[in-house]
N, C-alpha and C. Protein backbone atom coordinates (compact mmCIF):
# COMPACT_ATOMS: atom_id res chain seq x y z
N MET A 1 16.90 2.46 23.95
CA MET A 1 17.72 1.58 24.77
C MET A 1 19.15 1.62 24.25
N SER A 2 20.10 1.51 25.14
CA SER A 2 21.49 1.43 24.72
C SER A 2 22.30 0.77 25.81
N LYS A 3 23.38 0.12 25.42
CA LYS A 3 24.26 -0.52 26.39
C LYS A 3 24.95 0.51 27.26
N SER A 4 25.29 1.65 26.67
CA SER A 4 26.04 2.65 27.42
C SER A 4 25.22 3.27 28.54
N THR A 5 23.94 3.49 28.30
CA THR A 5 23.09 4.07 29.35
C THR A 5 22.49 3.02 30.27
N GLY A 6 22.53 1.77 29.83
CA GLY A 6 22.07 0.69 30.69
C GLY A 6 20.56 0.57 30.81
N ASN A 7 19.81 1.25 29.96
CA ASN A 7 18.35 1.12 30.01
C ASN A 7 17.90 0.00 29.08
N PHE A 8 16.86 -0.67 29.46
CA PHE A 8 16.39 -1.81 28.67
C PHE A 8 14.93 -2.07 29.01
N ILE A 9 14.31 -2.92 28.17
CA ILE A 9 12.94 -3.38 28.43
C ILE A 9 13.00 -4.80 28.97
N ASP A 10 12.40 -5.01 30.10
CA ASP A 10 12.32 -6.35 30.68
C ASP A 10 11.26 -7.14 29.91
N VAL A 11 11.69 -8.18 29.20
CA VAL A 11 10.75 -8.92 28.35
C VAL A 11 9.91 -9.91 29.15
N ARG A 12 10.27 -10.16 30.39
CA ARG A 12 9.53 -11.18 31.16
C ARG A 12 8.06 -10.82 31.35
N PRO A 13 7.72 -9.59 31.70
CA PRO A 13 6.29 -9.27 31.77
C PRO A 13 5.58 -9.38 30.42
N LEU A 14 6.29 -9.07 29.33
CA LEU A 14 5.70 -9.21 28.00
C LEU A 14 5.41 -10.67 27.68
N VAL A 15 6.35 -11.53 28.03
CA VAL A 15 6.16 -12.96 27.80
C VAL A 15 4.98 -13.48 28.62
N GLN A 16 4.89 -13.03 29.86
CA GLN A 16 3.78 -13.47 30.70
C GLN A 16 2.44 -12.98 30.16
N ALA A 17 2.44 -11.77 29.60
CA ALA A 17 1.19 -11.19 29.11
C ALA A 17 0.79 -11.72 27.74
N PHE A 18 1.77 -11.93 26.86
CA PHE A 18 1.46 -12.22 25.46
C PHE A 18 1.95 -13.58 24.98
N GLY A 19 2.87 -14.21 25.67
CA GLY A 19 3.38 -15.51 25.26
C GLY A 19 4.79 -15.42 24.70
N LEU A 20 5.58 -16.45 24.97
CA LEU A 20 6.98 -16.46 24.53
C LEU A 20 7.09 -16.47 23.01
N ASP A 21 6.32 -17.33 22.37
CA ASP A 21 6.38 -17.39 20.90
C ASP A 21 5.98 -16.06 20.27
N GLN A 22 4.97 -15.43 20.84
CA GLN A 22 4.49 -14.17 20.27
C GLN A 22 5.55 -13.07 20.38
N VAL A 23 6.21 -12.99 21.52
CA VAL A 23 7.25 -11.96 21.69
C VAL A 23 8.44 -12.26 20.79
N ARG A 24 8.83 -13.53 20.71
CA ARG A 24 9.95 -13.90 19.83
C ARG A 24 9.60 -13.57 18.37
N PHE A 25 8.38 -13.90 17.97
CA PHE A 25 7.95 -13.60 16.61
C PHE A 25 8.05 -12.10 16.33
N PHE A 26 7.54 -11.29 17.25
CA PHE A 26 7.55 -9.84 17.04
C PHE A 26 8.97 -9.32 16.86
N LEU A 27 9.87 -9.74 17.71
CA LEU A 27 11.24 -9.22 17.64
C LEU A 27 11.93 -9.63 16.35
N LEU A 28 11.71 -10.86 15.91
CA LEU A 28 12.33 -11.33 14.67
C LEU A 28 11.64 -10.75 13.44
N ARG A 29 10.37 -10.46 13.55
CA ARG A 29 9.60 -9.95 12.41
C ARG A 29 9.76 -8.44 12.26
N GLU A 30 9.83 -7.75 13.36
CA GLU A 30 9.79 -6.29 13.35
C GLU A 30 11.15 -5.65 13.13
N VAL A 31 12.20 -6.27 13.70
CA VAL A 31 13.52 -5.64 13.72
C VAL A 31 14.51 -6.48 12.91
N PRO A 32 15.08 -5.94 11.84
CA PRO A 32 16.12 -6.68 11.10
C PRO A 32 17.26 -7.07 12.03
N PHE A 33 17.65 -8.32 11.97
CA PHE A 33 18.65 -8.85 12.90
C PHE A 33 19.95 -8.06 12.82
N GLY A 34 20.42 -7.63 13.99
CA GLY A 34 21.68 -6.89 14.05
C GLY A 34 21.53 -5.40 13.85
N ASN A 35 20.33 -4.93 13.53
CA ASN A 35 20.10 -3.51 13.30
C ASN A 35 19.27 -2.90 14.43
N ASP A 36 19.23 -1.58 14.43
CA ASP A 36 18.36 -0.88 15.36
C ASP A 36 16.91 -1.03 14.92
N GLY A 37 16.02 -0.89 15.87
CA GLY A 37 14.60 -0.97 15.54
C GLY A 37 13.77 -0.30 16.61
N ASP A 38 12.50 -0.13 16.32
CA ASP A 38 11.57 0.48 17.25
C ASP A 38 10.77 -0.59 17.98
N PHE A 39 10.45 -0.31 19.22
CA PHE A 39 9.60 -1.22 19.99
C PHE A 39 8.54 -0.42 20.72
N SER A 40 7.32 -0.92 20.68
CA SER A 40 6.26 -0.37 21.52
C SER A 40 5.26 -1.48 21.80
N ARG A 41 4.60 -1.37 22.92
CA ARG A 41 3.57 -2.36 23.27
C ARG A 41 2.47 -2.36 22.22
N ARG A 42 2.14 -1.17 21.72
CA ARG A 42 1.09 -1.09 20.70
C ARG A 42 1.49 -1.84 19.44
N ALA A 43 2.77 -1.69 19.03
CA ALA A 43 3.24 -2.39 17.82
C ALA A 43 3.22 -3.90 18.04
N LEU A 44 3.59 -4.34 19.23
CA LEU A 44 3.57 -5.77 19.55
C LEU A 44 2.15 -6.32 19.43
N ILE A 45 1.20 -5.63 20.03
CA ILE A 45 -0.19 -6.08 19.97
C ILE A 45 -0.71 -6.07 18.54
N SER A 46 -0.32 -5.04 17.79
CA SER A 46 -0.76 -4.95 16.39
C SER A 46 -0.26 -6.13 15.58
N ARG A 47 1.00 -6.51 15.74
CA ARG A 47 1.56 -7.66 15.02
C ARG A 47 0.84 -8.94 15.41
N ILE A 48 0.64 -9.12 16.71
CA ILE A 48 -0.01 -10.34 17.19
C ILE A 48 -1.41 -10.46 16.58
N ASN A 49 -2.16 -9.37 16.63
CA ASN A 49 -3.53 -9.42 16.13
C ASN A 49 -3.59 -9.56 14.61
N ALA A 50 -2.76 -8.78 13.90
CA ALA A 50 -2.85 -8.76 12.45
C ALA A 50 -2.28 -10.02 11.81
N GLU A 51 -1.12 -10.47 12.28
CA GLU A 51 -0.43 -11.55 11.56
C GLU A 51 -0.56 -12.92 12.23
N LEU A 52 -0.78 -12.94 13.53
CA LEU A 52 -0.94 -14.23 14.21
C LEU A 52 -2.43 -14.56 14.38
N ALA A 53 -3.18 -13.71 15.07
CA ALA A 53 -4.60 -14.01 15.28
C ALA A 53 -5.39 -13.97 13.97
N ASN A 54 -5.27 -12.86 13.23
CA ASN A 54 -6.05 -12.70 11.99
C ASN A 54 -5.38 -13.36 10.79
N GLY A 55 -4.10 -13.68 10.90
CA GLY A 55 -3.36 -14.26 9.79
C GLY A 55 -3.35 -15.77 9.85
N ILE A 56 -2.25 -16.33 10.33
CA ILE A 56 -2.13 -17.79 10.32
C ILE A 56 -3.14 -18.45 11.26
N GLY A 57 -3.44 -17.80 12.39
CA GLY A 57 -4.40 -18.38 13.32
C GLY A 57 -5.79 -18.51 12.71
N ASN A 58 -6.24 -17.46 12.05
CA ASN A 58 -7.56 -17.48 11.42
C ASN A 58 -7.61 -18.46 10.26
N LEU A 59 -6.54 -18.51 9.46
CA LEU A 59 -6.50 -19.46 8.34
C LEU A 59 -6.57 -20.90 8.84
N ALA A 60 -5.81 -21.19 9.88
CA ALA A 60 -5.82 -22.54 10.44
C ALA A 60 -7.19 -22.88 11.02
N GLN A 61 -7.79 -21.94 11.74
CA GLN A 61 -9.08 -22.20 12.36
C GLN A 61 -10.16 -22.42 11.30
N ARG A 62 -10.16 -21.58 10.27
CA ARG A 62 -11.16 -21.73 9.22
C ARG A 62 -11.02 -23.09 8.54
N THR A 63 -9.79 -23.45 8.21
CA THR A 63 -9.54 -24.69 7.49
C THR A 63 -9.85 -25.91 8.34
N LEU A 64 -9.29 -25.95 9.54
CA LEU A 64 -9.42 -27.15 10.36
C LEU A 64 -10.83 -27.31 10.91
N SER A 65 -11.50 -26.21 11.22
CA SER A 65 -12.89 -26.31 11.67
C SER A 65 -13.79 -26.82 10.56
N PHE A 66 -13.53 -26.36 9.34
CA PHE A 66 -14.33 -26.81 8.21
C PHE A 66 -14.09 -28.29 7.94
N ILE A 67 -12.84 -28.73 8.07
CA ILE A 67 -12.53 -30.15 7.90
C ILE A 67 -13.24 -30.97 8.97
N ALA A 68 -13.21 -30.48 10.21
CA ALA A 68 -13.85 -31.21 11.31
C ALA A 68 -15.35 -31.36 11.08
N LYS A 69 -15.98 -30.32 10.57
CA LYS A 69 -17.44 -30.33 10.42
C LYS A 69 -17.91 -30.96 9.12
N ASN A 70 -17.08 -30.88 8.07
CA ASN A 70 -17.58 -31.26 6.74
C ASN A 70 -16.74 -32.30 6.01
N ALA A 71 -15.63 -32.73 6.61
CA ALA A 71 -14.79 -33.73 5.94
C ALA A 71 -14.46 -34.90 6.86
N GLY A 72 -15.32 -35.12 7.83
CA GLY A 72 -15.15 -36.29 8.68
C GLY A 72 -14.02 -36.20 9.68
N GLY A 73 -13.43 -35.02 9.84
CA GLY A 73 -12.35 -34.86 10.81
C GLY A 73 -11.08 -35.58 10.45
N VAL A 74 -10.87 -35.80 9.15
CA VAL A 74 -9.63 -36.44 8.69
C VAL A 74 -9.03 -35.59 7.57
N VAL A 75 -7.75 -35.80 7.26
CA VAL A 75 -7.15 -35.12 6.12
C VAL A 75 -7.95 -35.48 4.88
N PRO A 76 -8.49 -34.50 4.17
CA PRO A 76 -9.38 -34.80 3.03
C PRO A 76 -8.65 -35.49 1.88
N ALA A 77 -9.44 -36.13 1.05
CA ALA A 77 -8.90 -36.75 -0.16
C ALA A 77 -8.63 -35.69 -1.21
N ARG A 78 -7.48 -35.80 -1.85
CA ARG A 78 -7.15 -34.85 -2.91
C ARG A 78 -7.69 -35.35 -4.23
N GLY A 79 -8.54 -34.57 -4.83
CA GLY A 79 -9.07 -34.92 -6.14
C GLY A 79 -8.25 -34.29 -7.24
N THR A 80 -8.89 -34.03 -8.36
CA THR A 80 -8.22 -33.40 -9.50
C THR A 80 -7.86 -31.96 -9.15
N LEU A 81 -6.61 -31.60 -9.41
CA LEU A 81 -6.14 -30.26 -9.09
C LEU A 81 -6.46 -29.29 -10.21
N HIS A 82 -6.91 -28.10 -9.85
CA HIS A 82 -7.16 -27.04 -10.81
C HIS A 82 -5.96 -26.10 -10.85
N GLU A 83 -6.02 -25.15 -11.74
CA GLU A 83 -4.90 -24.21 -11.90
C GLU A 83 -4.59 -23.46 -10.61
N ALA A 84 -5.64 -23.02 -9.90
CA ALA A 84 -5.42 -22.29 -8.65
C ALA A 84 -4.74 -23.17 -7.61
N ASP A 85 -5.08 -24.46 -7.61
CA ASP A 85 -4.45 -25.40 -6.67
C ASP A 85 -2.97 -25.54 -6.98
N HIS A 86 -2.67 -25.76 -8.25
CA HIS A 86 -1.26 -25.91 -8.66
C HIS A 86 -0.46 -24.67 -8.30
N ALA A 87 -1.05 -23.50 -8.50
CA ALA A 87 -0.32 -22.26 -8.22
C ALA A 87 0.00 -22.13 -6.74
N LEU A 88 -0.96 -22.41 -5.87
CA LEU A 88 -0.72 -22.29 -4.44
C LEU A 88 0.25 -23.36 -3.95
N LEU A 89 0.10 -24.57 -4.43
CA LEU A 89 1.01 -25.64 -4.01
C LEU A 89 2.42 -25.38 -4.52
N ALA A 90 2.56 -24.80 -5.69
CA ALA A 90 3.89 -24.45 -6.22
C ALA A 90 4.54 -23.38 -5.34
N ALA A 91 3.75 -22.42 -4.89
CA ALA A 91 4.29 -21.40 -3.99
C ALA A 91 4.75 -22.02 -2.68
N ALA A 92 3.99 -23.00 -2.18
CA ALA A 92 4.40 -23.69 -0.96
C ALA A 92 5.67 -24.51 -1.18
N GLU A 93 5.76 -25.14 -2.34
CA GLU A 93 6.95 -25.95 -2.64
C GLU A 93 8.20 -25.07 -2.75
N ALA A 94 8.04 -23.84 -3.22
CA ALA A 94 9.18 -22.95 -3.37
C ALA A 94 9.57 -22.28 -2.06
N LEU A 95 8.72 -22.34 -1.05
CA LEU A 95 8.96 -21.60 0.19
C LEU A 95 10.21 -22.05 0.94
N PRO A 96 10.49 -23.34 1.11
CA PRO A 96 11.67 -23.71 1.89
C PRO A 96 12.97 -23.09 1.38
N GLU A 97 13.16 -23.05 0.07
CA GLU A 97 14.39 -22.48 -0.46
C GLU A 97 14.44 -20.98 -0.21
N LYS A 98 13.32 -20.30 -0.31
CA LYS A 98 13.30 -18.86 -0.04
C LYS A 98 13.62 -18.59 1.43
N VAL A 99 13.06 -19.39 2.31
CA VAL A 99 13.33 -19.22 3.74
C VAL A 99 14.78 -19.54 4.05
N ARG A 100 15.29 -20.60 3.46
CA ARG A 100 16.70 -20.98 3.68
C ARG A 100 17.63 -19.86 3.23
N ALA A 101 17.36 -19.28 2.09
CA ALA A 101 18.22 -18.21 1.58
C ALA A 101 18.20 -17.00 2.52
N ALA A 102 17.04 -16.66 3.03
CA ALA A 102 16.95 -15.53 3.96
C ALA A 102 17.67 -15.83 5.27
N ILE A 103 17.51 -17.03 5.78
CA ILE A 103 18.19 -17.39 7.03
C ILE A 103 19.70 -17.40 6.85
N ASN A 104 20.18 -17.85 5.71
CA ASN A 104 21.62 -17.85 5.46
C ASN A 104 22.20 -16.44 5.51
N ARG A 105 21.36 -15.44 5.20
CA ARG A 105 21.79 -14.04 5.29
C ARG A 105 21.47 -13.44 6.66
N LEU A 106 20.97 -14.26 7.57
CA LEU A 106 20.52 -13.81 8.89
C LEU A 106 19.39 -12.77 8.77
N ALA A 107 18.67 -12.84 7.67
CA ALA A 107 17.55 -11.93 7.43
C ALA A 107 16.26 -12.63 7.89
N PHE A 108 16.12 -12.79 9.20
CA PHE A 108 15.01 -13.54 9.74
C PHE A 108 13.67 -12.87 9.44
N HIS A 109 13.66 -11.54 9.41
CA HIS A 109 12.42 -10.84 9.09
C HIS A 109 11.98 -11.12 7.66
N GLU A 110 12.95 -11.31 6.75
CA GLU A 110 12.60 -11.64 5.37
C GLU A 110 12.09 -13.07 5.27
N ALA A 111 12.66 -13.98 6.05
CA ALA A 111 12.17 -15.36 6.06
C ALA A 111 10.72 -15.40 6.51
N LEU A 112 10.39 -14.65 7.54
CA LEU A 112 9.01 -14.61 8.02
C LEU A 112 8.09 -13.95 7.00
N GLU A 113 8.57 -12.92 6.33
CA GLU A 113 7.75 -12.28 5.31
C GLU A 113 7.43 -13.25 4.18
N GLU A 114 8.38 -14.09 3.79
CA GLU A 114 8.10 -15.10 2.76
C GLU A 114 6.99 -16.04 3.21
N MET A 115 7.01 -16.42 4.49
CA MET A 115 5.96 -17.29 5.00
C MET A 115 4.61 -16.58 4.96
N TRP A 116 4.62 -15.31 5.35
CA TRP A 116 3.34 -14.59 5.39
C TRP A 116 2.83 -14.25 4.00
N LYS A 117 3.68 -14.17 3.01
CA LYS A 117 3.20 -14.04 1.64
C LYS A 117 2.37 -15.26 1.27
N LEU A 118 2.83 -16.43 1.66
CA LEU A 118 2.09 -17.65 1.36
C LEU A 118 0.79 -17.70 2.16
N ILE A 119 0.82 -17.26 3.41
CA ILE A 119 -0.40 -17.23 4.22
C ILE A 119 -1.43 -16.30 3.59
N ARG A 120 -0.99 -15.14 3.13
CA ARG A 120 -1.92 -14.21 2.48
C ARG A 120 -2.47 -14.80 1.19
N ALA A 121 -1.63 -15.52 0.45
CA ALA A 121 -2.10 -16.17 -0.78
C ALA A 121 -3.13 -17.25 -0.45
N ALA A 122 -2.92 -17.98 0.63
CA ALA A 122 -3.87 -19.01 1.03
C ALA A 122 -5.18 -18.39 1.50
N ASP A 123 -5.10 -17.24 2.15
CA ASP A 123 -6.33 -16.53 2.55
C ASP A 123 -7.14 -16.13 1.32
N ALA A 124 -6.45 -15.60 0.31
CA ALA A 124 -7.15 -15.22 -0.92
C ALA A 124 -7.73 -16.45 -1.61
N TYR A 125 -6.99 -17.56 -1.57
CA TYR A 125 -7.43 -18.81 -2.19
C TYR A 125 -8.72 -19.33 -1.54
N ILE A 126 -8.75 -19.37 -0.22
CA ILE A 126 -9.95 -19.91 0.45
C ILE A 126 -11.15 -19.01 0.21
N ASP A 127 -10.94 -17.71 0.17
CA ASP A 127 -12.05 -16.81 -0.11
C ASP A 127 -12.57 -17.00 -1.53
N HIS A 128 -11.65 -17.19 -2.47
CA HIS A 128 -12.06 -17.34 -3.88
C HIS A 128 -12.69 -18.70 -4.14
N GLN A 129 -12.12 -19.74 -3.54
CA GLN A 129 -12.64 -21.09 -3.78
C GLN A 129 -13.94 -21.36 -3.02
N ALA A 130 -14.10 -20.69 -1.88
CA ALA A 130 -15.34 -20.76 -1.10
C ALA A 130 -15.81 -22.19 -0.84
N PRO A 131 -15.08 -22.95 -0.03
CA PRO A 131 -15.50 -24.34 0.23
C PRO A 131 -16.88 -24.44 0.86
N TRP A 132 -17.36 -23.40 1.54
CA TRP A 132 -18.70 -23.40 2.11
C TRP A 132 -19.77 -23.45 1.01
N THR A 133 -19.44 -22.89 -0.14
CA THR A 133 -20.36 -22.99 -1.28
C THR A 133 -20.20 -24.33 -1.98
N LEU A 134 -18.94 -24.76 -2.13
CA LEU A 134 -18.67 -26.05 -2.77
C LEU A 134 -19.31 -27.21 -2.01
N LYS A 135 -19.48 -27.04 -0.70
CA LYS A 135 -20.14 -28.08 0.09
C LYS A 135 -21.49 -28.46 -0.50
N LYS A 136 -22.18 -27.46 -1.05
CA LYS A 136 -23.51 -27.69 -1.62
C LYS A 136 -23.47 -28.04 -3.10
N THR A 137 -22.48 -27.49 -3.81
CA THR A 137 -22.48 -27.63 -5.27
C THR A 137 -21.51 -28.68 -5.79
N ASP A 138 -20.40 -28.90 -5.07
CA ASP A 138 -19.36 -29.82 -5.56
C ASP A 138 -18.53 -30.32 -4.38
N PRO A 139 -19.05 -31.25 -3.59
CA PRO A 139 -18.35 -31.70 -2.38
C PRO A 139 -16.99 -32.36 -2.65
N VAL A 140 -16.83 -32.96 -3.81
CA VAL A 140 -15.51 -33.54 -4.13
C VAL A 140 -14.48 -32.43 -4.30
N ARG A 141 -14.88 -31.39 -5.00
CA ARG A 141 -13.99 -30.23 -5.16
C ARG A 141 -13.71 -29.58 -3.81
N MET A 142 -14.69 -29.53 -2.94
CA MET A 142 -14.50 -28.98 -1.60
C MET A 142 -13.37 -29.70 -0.86
N LEU A 143 -13.37 -31.02 -0.96
CA LEU A 143 -12.34 -31.80 -0.28
C LEU A 143 -10.95 -31.47 -0.84
N THR A 144 -10.85 -31.29 -2.14
CA THR A 144 -9.56 -30.94 -2.75
C THR A 144 -9.07 -29.59 -2.24
N VAL A 145 -9.96 -28.62 -2.17
CA VAL A 145 -9.59 -27.29 -1.67
C VAL A 145 -9.09 -27.39 -0.23
N LEU A 146 -9.79 -28.15 0.58
CA LEU A 146 -9.37 -28.31 1.97
C LEU A 146 -8.03 -29.04 2.08
N TYR A 147 -7.82 -30.00 1.20
CA TYR A 147 -6.53 -30.70 1.19
C TYR A 147 -5.40 -29.73 0.85
N VAL A 148 -5.60 -28.90 -0.16
CA VAL A 148 -4.57 -27.93 -0.55
C VAL A 148 -4.26 -26.99 0.61
N LEU A 149 -5.29 -26.50 1.28
CA LEU A 149 -5.09 -25.60 2.41
C LEU A 149 -4.33 -26.28 3.55
N ALA A 150 -4.70 -27.52 3.85
CA ALA A 150 -3.99 -28.25 4.91
C ALA A 150 -2.53 -28.48 4.54
N SER A 151 -2.26 -28.73 3.27
CA SER A 151 -0.88 -28.93 2.82
C SER A 151 -0.06 -27.66 2.97
N VAL A 152 -0.67 -26.54 2.63
CA VAL A 152 0.02 -25.25 2.76
C VAL A 152 0.29 -24.95 4.23
N LEU A 153 -0.69 -25.20 5.09
CA LEU A 153 -0.50 -24.97 6.51
C LEU A 153 0.63 -25.85 7.06
N ARG A 154 0.73 -27.08 6.59
CA ARG A 154 1.82 -27.95 7.04
C ARG A 154 3.17 -27.35 6.66
N THR A 155 3.30 -26.87 5.44
CA THR A 155 4.56 -26.29 5.00
C THR A 155 4.95 -25.10 5.87
N VAL A 156 4.00 -24.21 6.10
CA VAL A 156 4.28 -23.03 6.92
C VAL A 156 4.65 -23.45 8.33
N ALA A 157 3.91 -24.39 8.90
CA ALA A 157 4.17 -24.81 10.27
C ALA A 157 5.56 -25.44 10.42
N VAL A 158 5.95 -26.26 9.47
CA VAL A 158 7.28 -26.87 9.52
C VAL A 158 8.37 -25.81 9.50
N LEU A 159 8.22 -24.84 8.62
CA LEU A 159 9.23 -23.79 8.48
C LEU A 159 9.19 -22.80 9.63
N LEU A 160 8.07 -22.71 10.30
CA LEU A 160 7.92 -21.76 11.40
C LEU A 160 8.50 -22.30 12.71
N GLN A 161 8.85 -23.58 12.76
CA GLN A 161 9.30 -24.19 14.01
C GLN A 161 10.49 -23.48 14.67
N PRO A 162 11.52 -23.05 13.93
CA PRO A 162 12.63 -22.38 14.61
C PRO A 162 12.25 -21.03 15.20
N PHE A 163 11.20 -20.41 14.68
CA PHE A 163 10.79 -19.09 15.12
C PHE A 163 9.77 -19.16 16.25
N MET A 164 8.84 -20.09 16.13
CA MET A 164 7.76 -20.23 17.11
C MET A 164 7.55 -21.72 17.40
N PRO A 165 8.48 -22.34 18.12
CA PRO A 165 8.45 -23.81 18.25
C PRO A 165 7.18 -24.36 18.89
N ASP A 166 6.69 -23.73 19.94
CA ASP A 166 5.50 -24.27 20.62
C ASP A 166 4.26 -24.13 19.73
N SER A 167 4.06 -22.94 19.17
CA SER A 167 2.88 -22.70 18.34
C SER A 167 2.90 -23.54 17.07
N ALA A 168 4.06 -23.62 16.42
CA ALA A 168 4.18 -24.44 15.21
C ALA A 168 3.93 -25.91 15.54
N GLY A 169 4.43 -26.35 16.68
CA GLY A 169 4.20 -27.73 17.09
C GLY A 169 2.73 -28.02 17.31
N ARG A 170 2.01 -27.07 17.92
CA ARG A 170 0.58 -27.27 18.14
C ARG A 170 -0.19 -27.30 16.83
N LEU A 171 0.23 -26.48 15.87
CA LEU A 171 -0.43 -26.52 14.56
C LEU A 171 -0.15 -27.84 13.86
N LEU A 172 1.07 -28.32 13.94
CA LEU A 172 1.39 -29.61 13.32
C LEU A 172 0.63 -30.75 14.00
N ASP A 173 0.43 -30.65 15.32
CA ASP A 173 -0.40 -31.64 16.01
C ASP A 173 -1.81 -31.64 15.41
N GLN A 174 -2.37 -30.45 15.20
CA GLN A 174 -3.74 -30.35 14.69
C GLN A 174 -3.85 -30.81 13.24
N LEU A 175 -2.72 -30.80 12.53
CA LEU A 175 -2.70 -31.28 11.14
C LEU A 175 -2.39 -32.77 11.06
N GLY A 176 -2.21 -33.40 12.22
CA GLY A 176 -1.94 -34.83 12.24
C GLY A 176 -0.56 -35.23 11.75
N VAL A 177 0.40 -34.30 11.82
CA VAL A 177 1.76 -34.57 11.36
C VAL A 177 2.55 -35.20 12.50
N ALA A 178 3.07 -36.40 12.27
CA ALA A 178 3.81 -37.12 13.30
C ALA A 178 5.09 -36.38 13.67
N PRO A 179 5.56 -36.52 14.91
CA PRO A 179 6.79 -35.84 15.34
C PRO A 179 8.00 -36.15 14.48
N ASP A 180 8.07 -37.34 13.90
CA ASP A 180 9.22 -37.70 13.08
C ASP A 180 9.05 -37.28 11.62
N ALA A 181 7.99 -36.50 11.32
CA ALA A 181 7.75 -36.05 9.95
C ALA A 181 7.65 -34.53 9.89
N ARG A 182 8.42 -33.86 10.74
CA ARG A 182 8.33 -32.41 10.84
C ARG A 182 9.61 -31.71 10.35
N GLN A 183 10.39 -32.42 9.57
CA GLN A 183 11.57 -31.82 8.96
C GLN A 183 11.22 -31.33 7.56
N ILE A 184 12.06 -30.41 7.05
CA ILE A 184 11.82 -29.88 5.70
C ILE A 184 11.81 -31.01 4.68
N ALA A 185 12.70 -31.99 4.84
CA ALA A 185 12.77 -33.10 3.88
C ALA A 185 11.45 -33.86 3.82
N ALA A 186 10.71 -33.89 4.93
CA ALA A 186 9.45 -34.63 4.95
C ALA A 186 8.38 -33.96 4.11
N LEU A 187 8.58 -32.70 3.73
CA LEU A 187 7.60 -32.00 2.90
C LEU A 187 7.55 -32.56 1.48
N ASP A 188 8.57 -33.35 1.11
CA ASP A 188 8.55 -33.96 -0.22
C ASP A 188 7.43 -35.00 -0.34
N ALA A 189 7.04 -35.57 0.80
CA ALA A 189 5.94 -36.55 0.79
C ALA A 189 4.62 -35.82 0.95
N PRO A 190 3.60 -36.20 0.21
CA PRO A 190 2.30 -35.52 0.34
C PRO A 190 1.68 -35.76 1.70
N LEU A 191 0.83 -34.85 2.10
CA LEU A 191 0.07 -35.02 3.34
C LEU A 191 -0.78 -36.28 3.21
N ALA A 192 -0.74 -37.12 4.23
CA ALA A 192 -1.40 -38.43 4.16
C ALA A 192 -2.91 -38.27 4.26
N GLU A 193 -3.61 -38.60 3.18
CA GLU A 193 -5.07 -38.53 3.18
C GLU A 193 -5.64 -39.51 4.19
N GLY A 194 -6.73 -39.12 4.82
CA GLY A 194 -7.41 -40.00 5.75
C GLY A 194 -6.85 -39.99 7.16
N THR A 195 -5.79 -39.22 7.41
CA THR A 195 -5.23 -39.16 8.76
C THR A 195 -6.23 -38.51 9.70
N PRO A 196 -6.58 -39.16 10.81
CA PRO A 196 -7.52 -38.55 11.75
C PRO A 196 -6.91 -37.30 12.38
N LEU A 197 -7.73 -36.28 12.53
CA LEU A 197 -7.27 -35.02 13.10
C LEU A 197 -7.97 -34.76 14.44
N PRO A 198 -7.27 -34.16 15.38
CA PRO A 198 -7.91 -33.83 16.66
C PRO A 198 -8.90 -32.69 16.49
N VAL A 199 -9.69 -32.47 17.50
CA VAL A 199 -10.61 -31.33 17.48
C VAL A 199 -9.78 -30.05 17.42
N PRO A 200 -10.05 -29.18 16.45
CA PRO A 200 -9.22 -27.98 16.31
C PRO A 200 -9.38 -27.03 17.49
N ALA A 201 -8.30 -26.35 17.81
CA ALA A 201 -8.31 -25.37 18.89
C ALA A 201 -7.59 -24.12 18.41
N GLY A 202 -8.06 -22.97 18.85
CA GLY A 202 -7.44 -21.72 18.42
C GLY A 202 -5.99 -21.62 18.84
N LEU A 203 -5.18 -21.02 17.96
CA LEU A 203 -3.75 -20.89 18.22
C LEU A 203 -3.40 -19.55 18.85
N PHE A 204 -4.00 -18.49 18.36
CA PHE A 204 -3.60 -17.15 18.77
C PHE A 204 -4.84 -16.29 19.06
N PRO A 205 -5.23 -16.16 20.32
CA PRO A 205 -6.35 -15.28 20.63
C PRO A 205 -5.99 -13.83 20.36
N ARG A 206 -6.98 -13.05 19.94
CA ARG A 206 -6.76 -11.62 19.74
C ARG A 206 -6.51 -10.95 21.09
N ILE A 207 -5.65 -9.96 21.06
CA ILE A 207 -5.33 -9.19 22.26
C ILE A 207 -6.20 -7.94 22.27
N ILE A 208 -6.98 -7.79 23.31
CA ILE A 208 -7.81 -6.60 23.47
C ILE A 208 -7.48 -5.98 24.81
N GLU A 209 -6.92 -4.79 24.77
CA GLU A 209 -6.56 -4.10 26.00
C GLU A 209 -7.54 -2.97 26.26
N ALA A 210 -7.80 -2.76 27.52
CA ALA A 210 -8.69 -1.68 27.90
C ALA A 210 -8.09 -0.34 27.52
N ALA A 211 -8.92 0.55 27.04
CA ALA A 211 -8.45 1.87 26.62
C ALA A 211 -7.96 2.67 27.83
């Protein structure tokens, strides 16, 4: 595409097919702001499936569904924190400054990468902590693990709002975060234990196109 030749991709059919937030995410994630980049429908679908459906969407679904089924459908009580908990929460606490620094450089793709580093760390954390096993062996510890995961999801969702406002808002709704508590400054306060949560709903369905 170029201005001189006048060729372009009409994004409206893409938005209708895949969603406004998804297309915005892809463009900001895939192409460094102000630089040239590659675009293909296949790359768009790959990003949506790998980082939205299988990434943050899957993490949110696993966490919130487990809370709904095994923690009374409320923000779990935080018990004694272990080393792994402190490490993940520290990474979440450091995320706003990393994202701010990237945005100040207009490096939006780097800001998103910092968020996805935390998402990948949370994925590794839930697999290692295995709350489905803790349910049988240590239910108090299970609640702490779920609390840590919900806290991390809140941090990511708050920071994701400028990039994917509708999707981030829906995730914050599912985490029981009030509209007036969705600013970065509000992350200084811990997630309120015992907050009732709505029935979880999937955020990002996988895209499957016919061959």
